[in-house]
Amino acid sequence: MHDRPRNSRDQILDAVVAIEQRLGRIEQLLVARRQLPLRSKAQAFFVKLGTFEHYPPRAIRFPPPHVPKVAAADLPSIHIVTPSLNQARFVRETVESVLDQNYPRLTYVIQDCLSDDGTTEVLEGYKDRLVVRCERDTGQANAINRGFEDADADIMAYLNSDDLLLPDTLAYVAEFFLRNPEIDIVYGHRIVIDAQTFEIGRWILPSHDSEAIKWADFVPQETMFWRKRVWDRVVELDESFRYALDWDFILRAQSLNFKFKRLPRFLGCFRVHDGQKTSSLLDVGVDEMRRLRIRSLGRKYYARTVRQAIRGYVLEHVLLNLLYRMGILRY
């Protein structure tokens, strides 16, 4: 029997194994030298997914400009919702990151839950360029669902009121959807920023892995866009979720066989600050993520099992991140 010809995937896997072996040896040396726990040191030094402060604050380095190759009239329409509650400190930057895209077929809705910190005053200056709705809601998912009521655009997305879109993101995403009608949902790499809008980290994501996503949410929400046909079938965000609402949406879309694509570009900025939901609802998030894993995988799994299941995905991230830092890969 002849051996099966080796393809590019085999070569990549070989490279990952080789990298893993080298990283393991480096980790051993670091542990021996500094007497630090192996897992925490490995995470701090190599694995950037799930962590935020990767280096001292620095000015944001934007991706290369994207020059549209499609006439404005031919671009798909986009509907973006920003749920808002007392984010006067950040909401102006969020709004301007969307409006400065100068995308010709954009509907932008700010769904504000009666903020009392000056947010409405900030938004007042933008009412001629976007839709501002100030009304009570029952939570983030409910606010987003309200913002999408009667939406009739080709592409949909939501952006939290403390996050940012990077320049040319809308044109880049729109052209990709236009040229790839078989793809339903896209997302990209993430830049992490602090409260002062300085860059403090970067997430380099491997290609979409439908199995890994069942174990952990590796999709940066602020970079995710989907076709309206996805929303029409998934229906809306599940308002029983307060933390993992985006992961629930992703898993339901994936279960309906919608096609995902990780794009080779940094698309958005995730802001880390003391008042964000990610910090304040951590205990709620643990329970919701456990609930989603049970639903997707059929039974309860413990942290060690989850780490083992996503090991291949994380190793690919480590390899891509090293190649990116070496300048071999550019996004």
Protein backbone atom coordinates (compact mmCIF):
# COMPACT_ATOMS: atom_id res chain seq x y z
CA MET A 1 0.00 0.00 0.00
CA HIS A 2 1.36 3.42 -0.95
CA ASP A 3 1.63 6.15 1.65
CA ARG A 4 -0.93 8.93 1.35
CA PRO A 5 0.61 12.04 -0.25
CA ARG A 6 1.31 14.72 2.33
CA ASN A 7 -0.67 17.90 1.88
CA SER A 8 -0.30 21.41 3.28
CA ARG A 9 -2.49 20.57 6.30
CA ASP A 10 -0.15 17.69 7.22
CA GLN A 11 2.81 20.04 6.98
CA ILE A 12 1.08 22.62 9.17
CA LEU A 13 0.30 19.97 11.78
CA ASP A 14 3.94 18.84 11.73
CA ALA A 15 4.99 22.45 12.25
CA VAL A 16 2.57 22.81 15.15
CA VAL A 17 3.96 19.67 16.80
CA ALA A 18 7.50 20.94 16.35
CA ILE A 19 6.57 24.33 17.81
CA GLU A 20 4.81 22.64 20.71
CA GLN A 21 7.90 20.59 21.51
CA ARG A 22 10.12 23.66 21.42
CA LEU A 23 7.67 25.67 23.53
CA GLY A 24 7.50 22.87 26.06
CA ARG A 25 11.27 22.91 26.43
CA ILE A 26 11.31 26.71 26.76
CA GLU A 27 8.58 26.52 29.39
CA GLN A 28 10.60 23.97 31.36
CA LEU A 29 13.62 26.27 31.30
CA LEU A 30 11.53 29.24 32.42
CA VAL A 31 10.01 27.27 35.26
CA ALA A 32 13.39 26.01 36.40
CA ARG A 33 14.90 29.50 36.24
CA ARG A 34 12.12 31.55 37.79
CA GLN A 35 10.30 28.85 39.77
CA LEU A 36 6.95 29.87 38.30
CA PRO A 37 3.94 27.56 37.80
CA LEU A 38 4.15 25.91 34.39
CA ARG A 39 0.60 26.57 33.20
CA SER A 40 0.41 30.20 34.26
CA LYS A 41 3.81 30.95 32.77
CA ALA A 42 2.90 29.29 29.48
CA GLN A 43 -0.30 31.28 29.29
CA ALA A 44 1.47 34.56 30.07
CA PHE A 45 4.31 33.98 27.62
CA PHE A 46 2.72 32.20 24.69
CA VAL A 47 -1.09 32.01 24.81
CA LYS A 48 -2.74 35.40 24.30
CA LEU A 49 -6.34 34.24 23.82
CA GLY A 50 -8.41 34.94 26.90
CA THR A 51 -5.88 37.42 28.28
CA PHE A 52 -5.79 41.17 27.74
CA GLU A 53 -2.63 42.96 28.91
CA HIS A 54 0.10 41.64 26.63
CA TYR A 55 2.47 44.62 26.71
CA PRO A 56 2.70 48.20 28.07
CA PRO A 57 0.21 50.70 26.61
CA ARG A 58 1.11 52.04 23.18
CA ALA A 59 -0.59 53.96 20.39
CA ILE A 60 -2.96 51.83 18.31
CA ARG A 61 -1.33 50.54 15.14
CA PHE A 62 -4.05 50.38 12.50
CA PRO A 63 -4.24 47.79 9.69
CA PRO A 64 -3.28 48.91 6.17
CA PRO A 65 -5.94 51.06 4.44
CA HIS A 66 -8.51 49.15 2.45
CA VAL A 67 -9.29 50.74 -0.90
CA PRO A 68 -12.84 49.79 -2.05
CA LYS A 69 -13.00 48.09 -5.41
CA VAL A 70 -16.79 48.16 -5.66
CA ALA A 71 -19.03 51.10 -6.54
CA ALA A 72 -20.91 52.54 -3.57
CA ALA A 73 -24.27 51.73 -5.16
CA ASP A 74 -23.31 48.04 -5.38
CA LEU A 75 -22.28 47.66 -1.75
CA PRO A 76 -24.62 45.75 0.59
CA SER A 77 -26.50 47.70 3.24
CA ILE A 78 -25.38 47.39 6.88
CA HIS A 79 -27.38 47.79 10.11
CA ILE A 80 -25.39 48.23 13.34
CA VAL A 81 -26.81 48.48 16.86
CA THR A 82 -25.00 49.85 19.91
CA PRO A 83 -26.67 49.07 23.26
CA SER A 84 -25.88 51.79 25.77
CA LEU A 85 -26.18 52.37 29.50
CA ASN A 86 -24.15 55.07 31.26
CA GLN A 87 -21.12 54.95 28.97
CA ALA A 88 -20.64 58.70 28.45
CA ARG A 89 -16.93 58.17 29.03
CA PHE A 90 -16.53 55.99 25.93
CA VAL A 91 -19.61 56.26 23.72
CA ARG A 92 -18.34 59.21 21.65
CA GLU A 93 -15.31 57.21 20.50
CA THR A 94 -17.52 54.23 19.73
CA VAL A 95 -19.93 56.29 17.64
CA GLU A 96 -17.17 58.07 15.76
CA SER A 97 -15.40 54.77 15.01
CA VAL A 98 -18.57 53.76 13.12
CA LEU A 99 -19.48 57.07 11.48
CA ASP A 100 -15.89 57.79 10.42
CA GLN A 101 -16.08 54.70 8.21
CA ASN A 102 -18.12 56.91 5.82
CA TYR A 103 -19.92 53.80 4.67
CA PRO A 104 -22.59 54.88 2.15
CA ARG A 105 -25.34 52.38 3.03
CA LEU A 106 -25.32 52.36 6.82
CA THR A 107 -28.11 52.40 9.40
CA TYR A 108 -26.71 52.98 12.87
CA VAL A 109 -28.97 52.70 15.93
CA ILE A 110 -28.00 53.62 19.49
CA GLN A 111 -30.36 51.86 21.89
CA ASP A 112 -29.89 53.69 25.20
CA CYS A 113 -31.48 52.56 28.47
CA LEU A 114 -32.25 56.01 29.90
CA SER A 115 -28.63 56.80 30.82
CA ASP A 116 -28.21 59.49 33.47
CA ASP A 117 -24.46 60.10 33.25
CA GLY A 118 -24.39 62.49 30.28
CA THR A 119 -24.59 59.84 27.55
CA THR A 120 -27.75 61.32 26.04
CA GLU A 121 -26.11 64.74 25.84
CA VAL A 122 -23.18 63.22 23.96
CA LEU A 123 -25.52 61.45 21.56
CA GLU A 124 -27.55 64.58 20.92
CA GLY A 125 -24.85 65.89 18.65
CA TYR A 126 -25.11 62.86 16.34
CA LYS A 127 -28.89 62.64 15.84
CA ASP A 128 -28.65 63.83 12.25
CA ARG A 129 -26.34 60.92 11.37
CA LEU A 130 -27.81 58.01 13.35
CA VAL A 131 -30.92 56.82 15.17
CA VAL A 132 -30.98 57.39 18.93
CA ARG A 133 -33.63 55.56 20.95
CA CYS A 134 -33.84 56.31 24.66
CA GLU A 135 -36.13 53.83 26.39
CA ARG A 136 -35.99 51.36 29.23
CA ASP A 137 -34.93 47.80 28.40
CA THR A 138 -34.49 44.60 30.39
CA GLY A 139 -30.82 44.08 29.62
CA GLN A 140 -28.20 44.05 26.86
CA ALA A 141 -29.82 41.33 24.75
CA ASN A 142 -33.20 43.05 24.93
CA ALA A 143 -31.63 46.38 23.91
CA ILE A 144 -29.94 44.78 20.90
CA ASN A 145 -33.14 43.02 19.86
CA ARG A 146 -35.00 46.32 20.08
CA GLY A 147 -32.33 47.99 17.96
CA PHE A 148 -32.80 45.38 15.25
CA GLU A 149 -36.59 45.68 15.12
CA ASP A 150 -37.66 46.27 11.53
CA ALA A 151 -34.03 46.03 10.34
CA ASP A 152 -33.99 45.39 6.60
CA ALA A 153 -30.26 45.53 5.79
CA ASP A 154 -28.15 42.90 4.05
CA ILE A 155 -25.57 42.72 6.86
CA MET A 156 -26.04 43.07 10.62
CA ALA A 157 -23.78 43.60 13.64
CA TYR A 158 -23.74 45.07 17.10
CA LEU A 159 -20.99 47.04 18.78
CA ASN A 160 -20.89 47.64 22.52
CA SER A 161 -20.70 51.26 23.65
CA ASP A 162 -17.12 50.97 24.90
CA ASP A 163 -15.63 49.10 21.91
CA LEU A 164 -14.42 50.39 18.53
CA LEU A 165 -14.40 49.48 14.86
CA LEU A 166 -11.05 49.87 13.12
CA PRO A 167 -10.81 52.07 9.99
CA ASP A 168 -12.20 50.59 6.74
CA THR A 169 -13.77 47.62 8.54
CA LEU A 170 -17.23 48.11 7.03
CA ALA A 171 -15.98 48.42 3.45
CA TYR A 172 -13.69 45.42 3.90
CA VAL A 173 -16.43 43.22 5.37
CA ALA A 174 -19.03 44.35 2.84
CA GLU A 175 -16.79 43.55 -0.13
CA PHE A 176 -15.97 40.15 1.31
CA PHE A 177 -19.67 39.31 1.66
CA LEU A 178 -20.31 40.59 -1.85
CA ARG A 179 -17.62 38.34 -3.35
CA ASN A 180 -18.38 35.29 -1.19
CA PRO A 181 -22.14 34.70 -1.23
CA GLU A 182 -21.76 31.27 0.41
CA ILE A 183 -20.38 32.74 3.66
CA ASP A 184 -22.93 33.73 6.32
CA ILE A 185 -20.93 35.02 9.31
CA VAL A 186 -17.49 36.63 9.47
CA TYR A 187 -15.16 37.89 12.17
CA GLY A 188 -11.54 38.96 12.42
CA HIS A 189 -8.59 39.51 14.72
CA ARG A 190 -8.93 41.70 17.82
CA ILE A 191 -6.92 44.58 19.26
CA VAL A 192 -7.27 45.05 23.02
CA ILE A 193 -7.30 48.63 24.32
CA ASP A 194 -7.37 50.20 27.78
CA ALA A 195 -9.57 52.93 29.22
CA GLN A 196 -7.33 55.60 27.66
CA THR A 197 -7.61 53.97 24.19
CA PHE A 198 -4.05 52.72 24.17
CA GLU A 199 -3.32 49.33 22.66
CA ILE A 200 -2.34 46.71 25.25
CA GLY A 201 -2.73 43.42 23.36
CA ARG A 202 -3.66 41.54 20.21
CA TRP A 203 -5.57 38.33 19.58
CA ILE A 204 -4.52 36.37 16.50
CA LEU A 205 -7.30 33.89 15.73
CA PRO A 206 -6.86 30.62 13.81
CA SER A 207 -9.30 29.75 11.04
CA HIS A 208 -12.81 29.06 12.29
CA ASP A 209 -13.02 25.71 14.07
CA SER A 210 -16.62 24.58 14.60
CA GLU A 211 -15.60 21.96 17.17
CA ALA A 212 -13.44 24.30 19.25
CA ILE A 213 -16.27 26.84 19.34
CA LYS A 214 -18.48 24.27 21.08
CA TRP A 215 -16.01 24.30 23.97
CA ALA A 216 -15.10 27.98 24.19
CA ASP A 217 -16.10 31.25 22.55
CA PHE A 218 -13.09 32.41 20.54
CA VAL A 219 -15.06 34.82 18.32
CA PRO A 220 -14.31 38.49 19.13
CA GLN A 221 -17.84 39.86 19.24
CA GLU A 222 -16.94 43.40 18.17
CA THR A 223 -15.54 42.01 14.89
CA MET A 224 -18.51 39.77 14.02
CA PHE A 225 -20.92 40.51 11.13
CA TRP A 226 -23.66 38.30 9.69
CA ARG A 227 -26.15 38.22 6.84
CA LYS A 228 -29.78 39.01 7.59
CA ARG A 229 -30.75 35.47 6.61
CA VAL A 230 -28.92 34.30 9.75
CA TRP A 231 -30.97 36.62 11.98
CA ASP A 232 -34.18 35.56 10.27
CA ARG A 233 -33.58 31.91 11.21
CA VAL A 234 -31.85 32.28 14.57
CA VAL A 235 -34.65 34.80 15.34
CA GLU A 236 -32.91 37.07 17.89
CA LEU A 237 -30.60 37.11 20.91
CA ASP A 238 -31.74 34.99 23.82
CA GLU A 239 -32.64 37.51 26.53
CA SER A 240 -32.13 34.99 29.31
CA PHE A 241 -28.35 35.43 28.80
CA ARG A 242 -26.58 38.38 30.43
CA TYR A 243 -22.96 37.45 29.68
CA ALA A 244 -22.71 34.74 27.00
CA LEU A 245 -25.43 36.06 24.68
CA ASP A 246 -23.05 36.29 21.71
CA TRP A 247 -21.74 32.73 22.22
CA ASP A 248 -25.31 31.44 22.41
CA PHE A 249 -26.08 33.22 19.13
CA ILE A 250 -22.95 31.76 17.51
CA LEU A 251 -23.73 28.22 18.64
CA ARG A 252 -27.33 28.41 17.45
CA ALA A 253 -26.21 29.75 14.07
CA GLN A 254 -23.59 27.03 13.80
CA SER A 255 -26.16 24.34 14.66
CA LEU A 256 -28.21 25.58 11.68
CA ASN A 257 -25.18 24.99 9.42
CA PHE A 258 -24.47 28.62 8.64
CA LYS A 259 -20.94 29.06 7.31
CA PHE A 260 -18.38 31.02 9.31
CA LYS A 261 -15.16 32.64 8.11
CA ARG A 262 -12.36 34.23 10.10
CA LEU A 263 -11.05 37.11 8.00
CA PRO A 264 -7.31 37.87 7.83
CA ARG A 265 -7.55 41.39 9.22
CA PHE A 266 -7.88 43.26 12.52
CA LEU A 267 -11.46 44.55 12.51
CA GLY A 268 -12.20 45.93 15.98
CA CYS A 269 -10.96 46.95 19.41
CA PHE A 270 -12.13 45.41 22.67
CA ARG A 271 -11.83 47.83 25.57
CA VAL A 272 -10.74 46.67 29.03
CA HIS A 273 -11.82 48.85 31.95
CA ASP A 274 -13.07 48.49 35.51
CA GLY A 275 -16.76 49.03 34.83
CA GLN A 276 -17.29 46.62 31.96
CA LYS A 277 -19.72 43.70 31.96
CA THR A 278 -16.90 41.17 31.44
CA SER A 279 -15.59 41.95 34.94
CA SER A 280 -18.81 42.62 36.84
CA LEU A 281 -20.72 39.56 35.59
CA LEU A 282 -17.93 37.01 35.76
CA ASP A 283 -19.78 34.62 38.10
CA VAL A 284 -22.89 34.85 35.92
CA GLY A 285 -20.71 34.16 32.89
CA VAL A 286 -19.28 30.97 34.38
CA ASP A 287 -22.78 29.61 34.92
CA GLU A 288 -23.95 30.62 31.44
CA MET A 289 -20.91 29.09 29.74
CA ARG A 290 -21.46 25.85 31.65
CA ARG A 291 -25.08 25.89 30.47
CA LEU A 292 -24.03 26.33 26.84
CA ARG A 293 -21.44 23.55 26.99
CA ILE A 294 -24.01 21.14 28.39
CA ARG A 295 -26.42 22.11 25.61
CA SER A 296 -23.81 21.74 22.84
CA LEU A 297 -21.89 18.73 24.12
CA GLY A 298 -24.57 16.78 25.94
CA ARG A 299 -23.17 16.79 29.46
CA LYS A 300 -21.15 18.78 31.98
CA TYR A 301 -17.40 19.07 31.41
CA TYR A 302 -14.74 20.30 33.77
CA ALA A 303 -12.05 22.90 33.10
CA ARG A 304 -9.33 20.31 32.47
CA THR A 305 -11.45 18.59 29.83
CA VAL A 306 -12.13 21.93 28.14
CA ARG A 307 -8.40 22.73 28.03
CA GLN A 308 -7.66 19.37 26.47
CA ALA A 309 -10.42 19.78 23.87
CA ILE A 310 -9.19 23.18 22.66
CA ARG A 311 -5.50 22.30 22.85
CA GLY A 312 -5.06 21.98 19.09
CA TYR A 313 -6.80 25.29 18.43
CA VAL A 314 -4.69 27.06 21.04
CA LEU A 315 -1.47 25.58 19.65
CA GLU A 316 -2.39 26.87 16.20
CA HIS A 317 -2.96 30.29 17.77
CA VAL A 318 0.50 30.12 19.37
CA LEU A 319 2.09 29.30 16.03
CA LEU A 320 0.22 32.06 14.18
CA ASN A 321 1.03 34.55 16.91
CA LEU A 322 4.74 33.72 16.72
CA LEU A 323 4.73 34.05 12.94
CA TYR A 324 2.90 37.37 13.26
CA ARG A 325 5.37 38.71 15.81
CA MET A 326 8.23 37.65 13.54
CA GLY A 327 6.68 39.60 10.65
CA ILE A 328 6.12 36.48 8.53
CA LEU A 329 2.35 36.92 8.74
CA ARG A 330 0.77 40.35 8.26
CA TYR A 331 -2.82 41.33 8.95
